Amino acid sequence: MPTLVRAETNERDALLTFLDAQRGGLRRTVLGLTDEQATSRPSAGELSLAGLLKHVARTEEVWVQSILMGRPEFAGSEADYVSGFQLLDGETVASTLDRYEQVARATEEAVNSLPDLEGVVALPEAPWFPPGMKVSARWILLHMIEETARHAGHADILRESLDGATAFALVAAAQAEA
């Protein structure tokens, strides 16, 4: 527990606050790194810190804007998924962090625009979803917390593999920068 989430005012606030705390953990893993370091793959796998940042931003955008809010222009393709784990020409860690911040603000606006968290939406047809599955806005937010936390853990391991920096040290560094 490198950070402590503030007390919530209601369920919606709690879910958004915990999601933002997980985003913060992920963002801190690139603190002080060059683009070259953040795009390196220090493990036997294909994951990089920059790739994880890009992936979680895109994943959150698809789940909230496309699935929850029904905006098809935000739906992703299989090609988007594959390229979503790597920075492409013209993309940098800074631009990826900026994009993630935009997605976070859009998520907060979308969730706060909902009358409640009970509204149910159908998941798109995909091999990884059961046919006809429907989920609530609450479920989607919980899933975003789960997905972000899972990848924040991956990022912690990658960062420590790069230079030994741990989550607690990165929290202290971020506080010193602020």
N, C-alpha and C. Protein backbone atom coordinates (compact mmCIF):
# COMPACT_ATOMS: atom_id res chain seq x y z
N MET A 1 0.84 -1.18 0.00
CA MET A 1 0.00 0.00 0.00
C MET A 1 0.89 1.25 0.00
N PRO A 2 1.41 1.63 -1.15
CA PRO A 2 2.28 2.80 -1.16
C PRO A 2 1.55 4.13 -0.97
N THR A 3 0.26 4.18 -1.25
CA THR A 3 -0.51 5.40 -1.01
C THR A 3 -1.81 5.03 -0.31
N LEU A 4 -2.42 5.99 0.33
CA LEU A 4 -3.69 5.79 1.01
C LEU A 4 -4.73 6.65 0.32
N VAL A 5 -5.82 6.04 -0.10
CA VAL A 5 -6.89 6.75 -0.78
C VAL A 5 -7.69 7.53 0.25
N ARG A 6 -8.04 8.76 -0.09
CA ARG A 6 -8.82 9.60 0.83
C ARG A 6 -10.18 8.97 1.09
N ALA A 7 -10.84 9.40 2.14
CA ALA A 7 -12.17 8.90 2.46
C ALA A 7 -13.15 9.31 1.36
N GLU A 8 -14.04 8.41 1.04
CA GLU A 8 -15.00 8.65 -0.03
C GLU A 8 -16.21 9.44 0.47
N THR A 9 -16.91 10.07 -0.47
CA THR A 9 -18.14 10.79 -0.13
C THR A 9 -19.37 9.96 -0.48
N ASN A 10 -19.22 9.07 -1.47
CA ASN A 10 -20.30 8.17 -1.87
C ASN A 10 -19.69 7.06 -2.73
N GLU A 11 -20.52 6.13 -3.17
CA GLU A 11 -19.99 4.99 -3.92
C GLU A 11 -19.30 5.42 -5.22
N ARG A 12 -19.91 6.30 -5.95
CA ARG A 12 -19.34 6.75 -7.23
C ARG A 12 -17.97 7.39 -7.00
N ASP A 13 -17.90 8.25 -5.98
CA ASP A 13 -16.65 8.91 -5.63
C ASP A 13 -15.60 7.87 -5.21
N ALA A 14 -16.01 6.86 -4.45
CA ALA A 14 -15.08 5.82 -4.01
C ALA A 14 -14.49 5.08 -5.21
N LEU A 15 -15.35 4.68 -6.14
CA LEU A 15 -14.87 3.93 -7.30
C LEU A 15 -13.92 4.78 -8.15
N LEU A 16 -14.28 6.03 -8.39
CA LEU A 16 -13.41 6.91 -9.19
C LEU A 16 -12.10 7.20 -8.46
N THR A 17 -12.16 7.35 -7.16
CA THR A 17 -10.95 7.64 -6.38
C THR A 17 -10.01 6.45 -6.36
N PHE A 18 -10.55 5.25 -6.18
CA PHE A 18 -9.69 4.07 -6.20
C PHE A 18 -9.11 3.83 -7.59
N LEU A 19 -9.89 4.09 -8.63
CA LEU A 19 -9.36 3.97 -9.99
C LEU A 19 -8.22 4.96 -10.20
N ASP A 20 -8.40 6.19 -9.75
CA ASP A 20 -7.35 7.19 -9.92
C ASP A 20 -6.09 6.83 -9.13
N ALA A 21 -6.27 6.22 -7.96
CA ALA A 21 -5.10 5.80 -7.18
C ALA A 21 -4.30 4.75 -7.95
N GLN A 22 -4.98 3.83 -8.61
CA GLN A 22 -4.28 2.81 -9.41
C GLN A 22 -3.60 3.44 -10.62
N ARG A 23 -4.27 4.42 -11.23
CA ARG A 23 -3.63 5.14 -12.34
C ARG A 23 -2.34 5.80 -11.86
N GLY A 24 -2.40 6.41 -10.67
CA GLY A 24 -1.22 7.09 -10.12
C GLY A 24 -0.05 6.13 -9.94
N GLY A 25 -0.35 4.93 -9.44
CA GLY A 25 0.71 3.93 -9.28
C GLY A 25 1.35 3.59 -10.61
N LEU A 26 0.55 3.46 -11.62
CA LEU A 26 1.07 3.15 -12.96
C LEU A 26 1.86 4.33 -13.54
N ARG A 27 1.33 5.54 -13.40
CA ARG A 27 2.04 6.72 -13.92
C ARG A 27 3.40 6.90 -13.25
N ARG A 28 3.46 6.64 -11.95
CA ARG A 28 4.71 6.84 -11.23
C ARG A 28 5.82 5.91 -11.70
N THR A 29 5.47 4.79 -12.31
CA THR A 29 6.52 3.84 -12.72
C THR A 29 7.41 4.39 -13.83
N VAL A 30 6.99 5.44 -14.51
CA VAL A 30 7.86 6.03 -15.55
C VAL A 30 8.54 7.31 -15.06
N LEU A 31 8.34 7.64 -13.81
CA LEU A 31 8.92 8.86 -13.25
C LEU A 31 10.44 8.83 -13.38
N GLY A 32 10.98 9.86 -14.02
CA GLY A 32 12.43 10.00 -14.15
C GLY A 32 13.07 9.15 -15.22
N LEU A 33 12.28 8.41 -15.99
CA LEU A 33 12.85 7.56 -17.05
C LEU A 33 12.87 8.29 -18.39
N THR A 34 13.80 7.92 -19.23
CA THR A 34 13.81 8.39 -20.61
C THR A 34 12.81 7.56 -21.41
N ASP A 35 12.47 8.03 -22.60
CA ASP A 35 11.59 7.24 -23.47
C ASP A 35 12.23 5.88 -23.78
N GLU A 36 13.55 5.87 -23.96
CA GLU A 36 14.23 4.62 -24.26
C GLU A 36 14.09 3.63 -23.10
N GLN A 37 14.26 4.11 -21.88
CA GLN A 37 14.11 3.23 -20.72
C GLN A 37 12.66 2.74 -20.60
N ALA A 38 11.72 3.65 -20.77
CA ALA A 38 10.30 3.31 -20.61
C ALA A 38 9.78 2.39 -21.70
N THR A 39 10.43 2.36 -22.84
CA THR A 39 10.00 1.46 -23.92
C THR A 39 10.80 0.17 -23.95
N SER A 40 11.81 0.07 -23.09
CA SER A 40 12.60 -1.17 -23.05
C SER A 40 11.77 -2.29 -22.42
N ARG A 41 12.17 -3.51 -22.70
CA ARG A 41 11.47 -4.69 -22.18
C ARG A 41 12.45 -5.47 -21.30
N PRO A 42 12.47 -5.15 -20.00
CA PRO A 42 13.49 -5.74 -19.12
C PRO A 42 13.19 -7.16 -18.66
N SER A 43 12.13 -7.75 -19.14
CA SER A 43 11.81 -9.13 -18.76
C SER A 43 11.79 -10.01 -20.01
N ALA A 44 11.52 -11.28 -19.82
CA ALA A 44 11.46 -12.21 -20.95
C ALA A 44 10.23 -11.95 -21.81
N GLY A 45 9.28 -11.17 -21.32
CA GLY A 45 8.05 -10.89 -22.05
C GLY A 45 8.17 -9.68 -22.95
N GLU A 46 7.05 -9.28 -23.51
CA GLU A 46 6.98 -8.17 -24.46
C GLU A 46 6.59 -6.84 -23.82
N LEU A 47 6.29 -6.84 -22.52
CA LEU A 47 5.76 -5.63 -21.89
C LEU A 47 6.84 -4.59 -21.61
N SER A 48 6.44 -3.33 -21.83
CA SER A 48 7.27 -2.19 -21.45
C SER A 48 6.39 -1.26 -20.62
N LEU A 49 7.01 -0.39 -19.87
CA LEU A 49 6.24 0.56 -19.06
C LEU A 49 5.40 1.48 -19.94
N ALA A 50 5.98 2.00 -21.00
CA ALA A 50 5.24 2.89 -21.89
C ALA A 50 4.09 2.14 -22.56
N GLY A 51 4.34 0.91 -22.95
CA GLY A 51 3.29 0.10 -23.56
C GLY A 51 2.14 -0.17 -22.61
N LEU A 52 2.46 -0.43 -21.34
CA LEU A 52 1.40 -0.64 -20.36
C LEU A 52 0.56 0.63 -20.17
N LEU A 53 1.22 1.78 -20.10
CA LEU A 53 0.49 3.05 -19.97
C LEU A 53 -0.46 3.25 -21.15
N LYS A 54 0.04 3.03 -22.33
CA LYS A 54 -0.78 3.21 -23.53
C LYS A 54 -1.95 2.22 -23.53
N HIS A 55 -1.68 0.99 -23.15
CA HIS A 55 -2.72 -0.04 -23.13
C HIS A 55 -3.83 0.30 -22.14
N VAL A 56 -3.48 0.68 -20.92
CA VAL A 56 -4.53 0.94 -19.93
C VAL A 56 -5.34 2.17 -20.31
N ALA A 57 -4.71 3.17 -20.89
CA ALA A 57 -5.47 4.35 -21.33
C ALA A 57 -6.49 3.96 -22.40
N ARG A 58 -6.04 3.20 -23.37
CA ARG A 58 -6.94 2.78 -24.46
C ARG A 58 -8.03 1.84 -23.95
N THR A 59 -7.67 0.94 -23.05
CA THR A 59 -8.65 0.01 -22.50
C THR A 59 -9.73 0.76 -21.74
N GLU A 60 -9.33 1.71 -20.90
CA GLU A 60 -10.30 2.51 -20.15
C GLU A 60 -11.21 3.29 -21.10
N GLU A 61 -10.62 3.86 -22.12
CA GLU A 61 -11.41 4.63 -23.09
C GLU A 61 -12.45 3.74 -23.78
N VAL A 62 -12.06 2.56 -24.20
CA VAL A 62 -13.00 1.66 -24.87
C VAL A 62 -14.11 1.23 -23.93
N TRP A 63 -13.75 0.80 -22.72
CA TRP A 63 -14.77 0.35 -21.78
C TRP A 63 -15.74 1.47 -21.40
N VAL A 64 -15.23 2.65 -21.11
CA VAL A 64 -16.11 3.72 -20.64
C VAL A 64 -16.81 4.42 -21.80
N GLN A 65 -16.06 4.87 -22.78
CA GLN A 65 -16.67 5.67 -23.84
C GLN A 65 -17.47 4.82 -24.83
N SER A 66 -16.91 3.69 -25.25
CA SER A 66 -17.58 2.87 -26.26
C SER A 66 -18.65 1.97 -25.64
N ILE A 67 -18.26 1.17 -24.65
CA ILE A 67 -19.20 0.19 -24.11
C ILE A 67 -20.22 0.85 -23.18
N LEU A 68 -19.76 1.57 -22.16
CA LEU A 68 -20.68 2.16 -21.19
C LEU A 68 -21.51 3.30 -21.78
N MET A 69 -20.85 4.21 -22.49
CA MET A 69 -21.54 5.40 -22.98
C MET A 69 -22.10 5.21 -24.39
N GLY A 70 -21.78 4.08 -25.04
CA GLY A 70 -22.35 3.77 -26.34
C GLY A 70 -21.85 4.64 -27.48
N ARG A 71 -20.60 5.05 -27.41
CA ARG A 71 -20.01 5.88 -28.46
C ARG A 71 -19.14 5.01 -29.35
N PRO A 72 -19.68 4.54 -30.47
CA PRO A 72 -18.95 3.59 -31.32
C PRO A 72 -17.65 4.14 -31.88
N GLU A 73 -17.50 5.45 -31.96
CA GLU A 73 -16.27 6.01 -32.52
C GLU A 73 -15.05 5.70 -31.63
N PHE A 74 -15.29 5.24 -30.40
CA PHE A 74 -14.20 4.89 -29.50
C PHE A 74 -13.90 3.40 -29.47
N ALA A 75 -14.68 2.62 -30.21
CA ALA A 75 -14.46 1.17 -30.23
C ALA A 75 -13.10 0.87 -30.85
N GLY A 76 -12.46 -0.15 -30.36
CA GLY A 76 -11.15 -0.51 -30.87
C GLY A 76 -11.23 -1.68 -31.82
N SER A 77 -10.15 -1.87 -32.55
CA SER A 77 -10.05 -3.01 -33.46
C SER A 77 -8.96 -3.94 -32.94
N GLU A 78 -8.83 -5.09 -33.56
CA GLU A 78 -7.77 -6.03 -33.18
C GLU A 78 -6.40 -5.39 -33.41
N ALA A 79 -6.26 -4.63 -34.50
CA ALA A 79 -5.00 -3.95 -34.79
C ALA A 79 -4.68 -2.92 -33.70
N ASP A 80 -5.71 -2.20 -33.22
CA ASP A 80 -5.51 -1.25 -32.12
C ASP A 80 -4.98 -1.96 -30.88
N TYR A 81 -5.53 -3.14 -30.62
CA TYR A 81 -5.11 -3.89 -29.44
C TYR A 81 -3.63 -4.26 -29.56
N VAL A 82 -3.23 -4.79 -30.70
CA VAL A 82 -1.84 -5.22 -30.89
C VAL A 82 -0.88 -4.04 -30.78
N SER A 83 -1.19 -2.94 -31.45
CA SER A 83 -0.31 -1.77 -31.40
C SER A 83 -0.44 -1.00 -30.09
N GLY A 84 -1.44 -1.35 -29.30
CA GLY A 84 -1.70 -0.66 -28.05
C GLY A 84 -0.70 -0.91 -26.96
N PHE A 85 0.23 -1.82 -27.15
CA PHE A 85 1.25 -2.11 -26.15
C PHE A 85 2.61 -1.54 -26.51
N GLN A 86 2.66 -0.69 -27.53
CA GLN A 86 3.94 -0.10 -27.93
C GLN A 86 3.73 1.31 -28.42
N LEU A 87 4.73 2.14 -28.20
CA LEU A 87 4.65 3.50 -28.72
C LEU A 87 4.96 3.46 -30.21
N LEU A 88 4.16 4.17 -30.97
CA LEU A 88 4.36 4.25 -32.42
C LEU A 88 5.10 5.55 -32.75
N ASP A 89 5.46 5.73 -34.01
CA ASP A 89 6.15 6.96 -34.42
C ASP A 89 5.39 8.18 -33.94
N GLY A 90 6.13 9.10 -33.34
CA GLY A 90 5.53 10.34 -32.86
C GLY A 90 4.98 10.26 -31.45
N GLU A 91 4.86 9.06 -30.90
CA GLU A 91 4.37 8.91 -29.53
C GLU A 91 5.55 8.89 -28.56
N THR A 92 5.37 9.55 -27.44
CA THR A 92 6.40 9.60 -26.40
C THR A 92 5.75 9.24 -25.07
N VAL A 93 6.57 9.06 -24.07
CA VAL A 93 6.03 8.82 -22.74
C VAL A 93 5.21 10.03 -22.31
N ALA A 94 5.72 11.22 -22.55
CA ALA A 94 4.99 12.44 -22.16
C ALA A 94 3.63 12.52 -22.86
N SER A 95 3.60 12.23 -24.16
CA SER A 95 2.31 12.31 -24.88
C SER A 95 1.37 11.20 -24.42
N THR A 96 1.91 10.05 -24.04
CA THR A 96 1.08 8.96 -23.54
C THR A 96 0.51 9.31 -22.17
N LEU A 97 1.31 9.93 -21.32
CA LEU A 97 0.82 10.39 -20.02
C LEU A 97 -0.27 11.45 -20.19
N ASP A 98 -0.06 12.38 -21.13
CA ASP A 98 -1.08 13.40 -21.41
C ASP A 98 -2.38 12.75 -21.89
N ARG A 99 -2.25 11.79 -22.76
CA ARG A 99 -3.43 11.08 -23.28
C ARG A 99 -4.16 10.35 -22.16
N TYR A 100 -3.40 9.72 -21.28
CA TYR A 100 -3.99 9.00 -20.14
C TYR A 100 -4.75 9.98 -19.24
N GLU A 101 -4.21 11.16 -19.05
CA GLU A 101 -4.90 12.18 -18.24
C GLU A 101 -6.20 12.61 -18.90
N GLN A 102 -6.19 12.77 -20.22
CA GLN A 102 -7.43 13.11 -20.95
C GLN A 102 -8.48 12.01 -20.80
N VAL A 103 -8.05 10.77 -20.91
CA VAL A 103 -8.96 9.64 -20.76
C VAL A 103 -9.54 9.63 -19.35
N ALA A 104 -8.69 9.88 -18.35
CA ALA A 104 -9.16 9.89 -16.96
C ALA A 104 -10.22 10.97 -16.75
N ARG A 105 -9.98 12.16 -17.29
CA ARG A 105 -10.98 13.24 -17.15
C ARG A 105 -12.28 12.87 -17.86
N ALA A 106 -12.17 12.27 -19.04
CA ALA A 106 -13.37 11.87 -19.79
C ALA A 106 -14.14 10.78 -19.04
N THR A 107 -13.42 9.88 -18.39
CA THR A 107 -14.07 8.84 -17.58
C THR A 107 -14.84 9.47 -16.44
N GLU A 108 -14.20 10.38 -15.73
CA GLU A 108 -14.86 11.04 -14.60
C GLU A 108 -16.11 11.79 -15.06
N GLU A 109 -16.00 12.52 -16.16
CA GLU A 109 -17.16 13.24 -16.69
C GLU A 109 -18.27 12.27 -17.08
N ALA A 110 -17.92 11.19 -17.75
CA ALA A 110 -18.93 10.22 -18.18
C ALA A 110 -19.63 9.59 -16.98
N VAL A 111 -18.85 9.13 -16.01
CA VAL A 111 -19.43 8.47 -14.84
C VAL A 111 -20.29 9.45 -14.05
N ASN A 112 -19.84 10.67 -13.90
CA ASN A 112 -20.63 11.66 -13.16
C ASN A 112 -21.89 12.09 -13.91
N SER A 113 -21.94 11.85 -15.21
CA SER A 113 -23.14 12.20 -15.98
C SER A 113 -24.24 11.14 -15.88
N LEU A 114 -23.90 9.97 -15.37
CA LEU A 114 -24.88 8.89 -15.27
C LEU A 114 -25.85 9.17 -14.13
N PRO A 115 -27.12 8.82 -14.30
CA PRO A 115 -28.07 9.03 -13.21
C PRO A 115 -27.75 8.16 -12.00
N ASP A 116 -27.18 6.97 -12.23
CA ASP A 116 -26.77 6.07 -11.15
C ASP A 116 -25.82 5.03 -11.74
N LEU A 117 -25.39 4.10 -10.92
CA LEU A 117 -24.46 3.08 -11.38
C LEU A 117 -25.16 1.76 -11.71
N GLU A 118 -26.49 1.80 -11.68
CA GLU A 118 -27.29 0.60 -11.91
C GLU A 118 -27.51 0.32 -13.39
N GLY A 119 -27.36 1.32 -14.25
CA GLY A 119 -27.62 1.16 -15.67
C GLY A 119 -26.82 0.00 -16.25
N VAL A 120 -27.46 -0.80 -17.07
CA VAL A 120 -26.86 -2.00 -17.64
C VAL A 120 -26.66 -1.82 -19.14
N VAL A 121 -25.52 -2.30 -19.62
CA VAL A 121 -25.21 -2.26 -21.05
C VAL A 121 -24.78 -3.65 -21.49
N ALA A 122 -25.02 -3.94 -22.75
CA ALA A 122 -24.61 -5.22 -23.32
C ALA A 122 -23.15 -5.14 -23.74
N LEU A 123 -22.43 -6.21 -23.49
CA LEU A 123 -21.05 -6.28 -23.97
C LEU A 123 -21.07 -6.61 -25.45
N PRO A 124 -20.11 -6.09 -26.20
CA PRO A 124 -20.07 -6.38 -27.64
C PRO A 124 -19.78 -7.87 -27.88
N GLU A 125 -20.15 -8.32 -29.04
CA GLU A 125 -19.83 -9.70 -29.40
C GLU A 125 -18.33 -9.82 -29.55
N ALA A 126 -17.78 -10.77 -28.83
CA ALA A 126 -16.34 -11.04 -28.89
C ALA A 126 -16.12 -12.44 -28.33
N PRO A 127 -15.09 -13.12 -28.79
CA PRO A 127 -14.86 -14.49 -28.31
C PRO A 127 -14.60 -14.58 -26.81
N TRP A 128 -14.15 -13.49 -26.20
CA TRP A 128 -13.81 -13.52 -24.77
C TRP A 128 -14.97 -13.12 -23.87
N PHE A 129 -16.12 -12.71 -24.45
CA PHE A 129 -17.31 -12.39 -23.66
C PHE A 129 -18.37 -13.47 -23.87
N PRO A 130 -19.05 -13.88 -22.80
CA PRO A 130 -20.17 -14.80 -22.99
C PRO A 130 -21.26 -14.13 -23.84
N PRO A 131 -21.88 -14.87 -24.73
CA PRO A 131 -22.93 -14.28 -25.57
C PRO A 131 -24.05 -13.66 -24.73
N GLY A 132 -24.42 -12.44 -25.10
CA GLY A 132 -25.53 -11.77 -24.44
C GLY A 132 -25.24 -11.22 -23.05
N MET A 133 -23.99 -11.21 -22.63
CA MET A 133 -23.66 -10.73 -21.28
C MET A 133 -23.93 -9.22 -21.16
N LYS A 134 -24.54 -8.86 -20.05
CA LYS A 134 -24.80 -7.45 -19.74
C LYS A 134 -24.16 -7.13 -18.40
N VAL A 135 -23.66 -5.90 -18.28
CA VAL A 135 -22.98 -5.47 -17.06
C VAL A 135 -23.44 -4.06 -16.69
N SER A 136 -23.32 -3.75 -15.42
CA SER A 136 -23.70 -2.41 -14.94
C SER A 136 -22.52 -1.45 -15.03
N ALA A 137 -22.82 -0.18 -14.88
CA ALA A 137 -21.76 0.84 -14.82
C ALA A 137 -20.83 0.54 -13.65
N ARG A 138 -21.40 0.09 -12.55
CA ARG A 138 -20.60 -0.28 -11.37
C ARG A 138 -19.60 -1.38 -11.74
N TRP A 139 -20.09 -2.41 -12.43
CA TRP A 139 -19.23 -3.52 -12.84
C TRP A 139 -18.08 -3.01 -13.71
N ILE A 140 -18.39 -2.12 -14.64
CA ILE A 140 -17.34 -1.58 -15.52
C ILE A 140 -16.30 -0.82 -14.72
N LEU A 141 -16.71 -0.01 -13.75
CA LEU A 141 -15.74 0.71 -12.93
C LEU A 141 -14.89 -0.26 -12.10
N LEU A 142 -15.53 -1.27 -11.53
CA LEU A 142 -14.76 -2.26 -10.78
C LEU A 142 -13.77 -2.98 -11.70
N HIS A 143 -14.20 -3.28 -12.90
CA HIS A 143 -13.31 -3.93 -13.86
C HIS A 143 -12.15 -3.01 -14.22
N MET A 144 -12.39 -1.73 -14.36
CA MET A 144 -11.31 -0.79 -14.68
C MET A 144 -10.31 -0.70 -13.52
N ILE A 145 -10.80 -0.74 -12.29
CA ILE A 145 -9.90 -0.76 -11.13
C ILE A 145 -9.06 -2.03 -11.17
N GLU A 146 -9.72 -3.16 -11.42
CA GLU A 146 -9.03 -4.45 -11.49
C GLU A 146 -7.96 -4.45 -12.59
N GLU A 147 -8.34 -4.02 -13.77
CA GLU A 147 -7.42 -4.02 -14.92
C GLU A 147 -6.24 -3.09 -14.68
N THR A 148 -6.51 -1.91 -14.16
CA THR A 148 -5.44 -0.94 -13.91
C THR A 148 -4.51 -1.43 -12.82
N ALA A 149 -5.07 -1.99 -11.74
CA ALA A 149 -4.25 -2.50 -10.64
C ALA A 149 -3.38 -3.66 -11.11
N ARG A 150 -3.95 -4.52 -11.92
CA ARG A 150 -3.18 -5.67 -12.44
C ARG A 150 -1.96 -5.18 -13.22
N HIS A 151 -2.18 -4.21 -14.09
CA HIS A 151 -1.08 -3.70 -14.89
C HIS A 151 -0.14 -2.81 -14.09
N ALA A 152 -0.64 -2.15 -13.05
CA ALA A 152 0.25 -1.38 -12.17
C ALA A 152 1.22 -2.33 -11.47
N GLY A 153 0.75 -3.51 -11.12
CA GLY A 153 1.64 -4.52 -10.53
C GLY A 153 2.70 -4.97 -11.52
N HIS A 154 2.27 -5.20 -12.77
CA HIS A 154 3.26 -5.54 -13.81
C HIS A 154 4.29 -4.41 -13.91
N ALA A 155 3.81 -3.20 -13.93
CA ALA A 155 4.70 -2.04 -14.09
C ALA A 155 5.68 -1.92 -12.92
N ASP A 156 5.22 -2.20 -11.70
CA ASP A 156 6.12 -2.17 -10.54
C ASP A 156 7.30 -3.12 -10.75
N ILE A 157 6.99 -4.32 -11.24
CA ILE A 157 8.04 -5.32 -11.45
C ILE A 157 9.00 -4.87 -12.56
N LEU A 158 8.43 -4.34 -13.65
CA LEU A 158 9.28 -3.87 -14.75
C LEU A 158 10.19 -2.74 -14.29
N ARG A 159 9.63 -1.78 -13.54
CA ARG A 159 10.44 -0.65 -13.09
C ARG A 159 11.55 -1.11 -12.17
N GLU A 160 11.22 -1.98 -11.23
CA GLU A 160 12.25 -2.46 -10.32
C GLU A 160 13.33 -3.22 -11.08
N SER A 161 12.94 -3.92 -12.15
CA SER A 161 13.92 -4.63 -12.98
C SER A 161 14.83 -3.68 -13.72
N LEU A 162 14.30 -2.50 -14.08
CA LEU A 162 15.11 -1.52 -14.81
C LEU A 162 16.19 -0.89 -13.95
N ASP A 163 15.79 -0.38 -12.77
CA ASP A 163 16.77 0.38 -11.99
C ASP A 163 16.65 0.19 -10.48
N GLY A 164 15.83 -0.76 -10.06
CA GLY A 164 15.70 -1.03 -8.64
C GLY A 164 14.70 -0.15 -7.91
N ALA A 165 14.11 0.83 -8.59
CA ALA A 165 13.16 1.73 -7.92
C ALA A 165 11.89 0.96 -7.56
N THR A 166 11.44 1.14 -6.32
CA THR A 166 10.23 0.48 -5.84
C THR A 166 9.10 1.50 -5.72
N ALA A 167 7.89 1.00 -5.52
CA ALA A 167 6.72 1.88 -5.44
C ALA A 167 6.89 2.93 -4.35
N PHE A 168 7.39 2.55 -3.18
CA PHE A 168 7.54 3.52 -2.09
C PHE A 168 8.54 4.61 -2.46
N ALA A 169 9.64 4.24 -3.09
CA ALA A 169 10.63 5.23 -3.50
C ALA A 169 10.04 6.16 -4.56
N LEU A 170 9.24 5.62 -5.46
CA LEU A 170 8.64 6.45 -6.52
C LEU A 170 7.58 7.38 -5.94
N VAL A 171 6.83 6.96 -4.93
CA VAL A 171 5.87 7.84 -4.25
C VAL A 171 6.64 9.01 -3.63
N ALA A 172 7.73 8.71 -2.93
CA ALA A 172 8.54 9.76 -2.31
C ALA A 172 9.10 10.72 -3.36
N ALA A 173 9.57 10.18 -4.48
CA ALA A 173 10.10 11.02 -5.56
C ALA A 173 9.02 11.91 -6.14
N ALA A 174 7.83 11.35 -6.34
CA ALA A 174 6.71 12.15 -6.89
C ALA A 174 6.31 13.25 -5.92
N GLN A 175 6.31 12.96 -4.63
CA GLN A 175 5.97 13.98 -3.63
C GLN A 175 7.02 15.07 -3.60
N ALA A 176 8.29 14.70 -3.75
CA ALA A 176 9.36 15.69 -3.77
C ALA A 176 9.26 16.60 -4.98
N GLU A 177 8.80 16.02 -6.12
CA GLU A 177 8.63 16.81 -7.35
C GLU A 177 7.47 17.79 -7.25
N ALA A 178 6.44 17.42 -6.49
CA ALA A 178 5.21 18.23 -6.41
C ALA A 178 5.37 19.48 -5.61
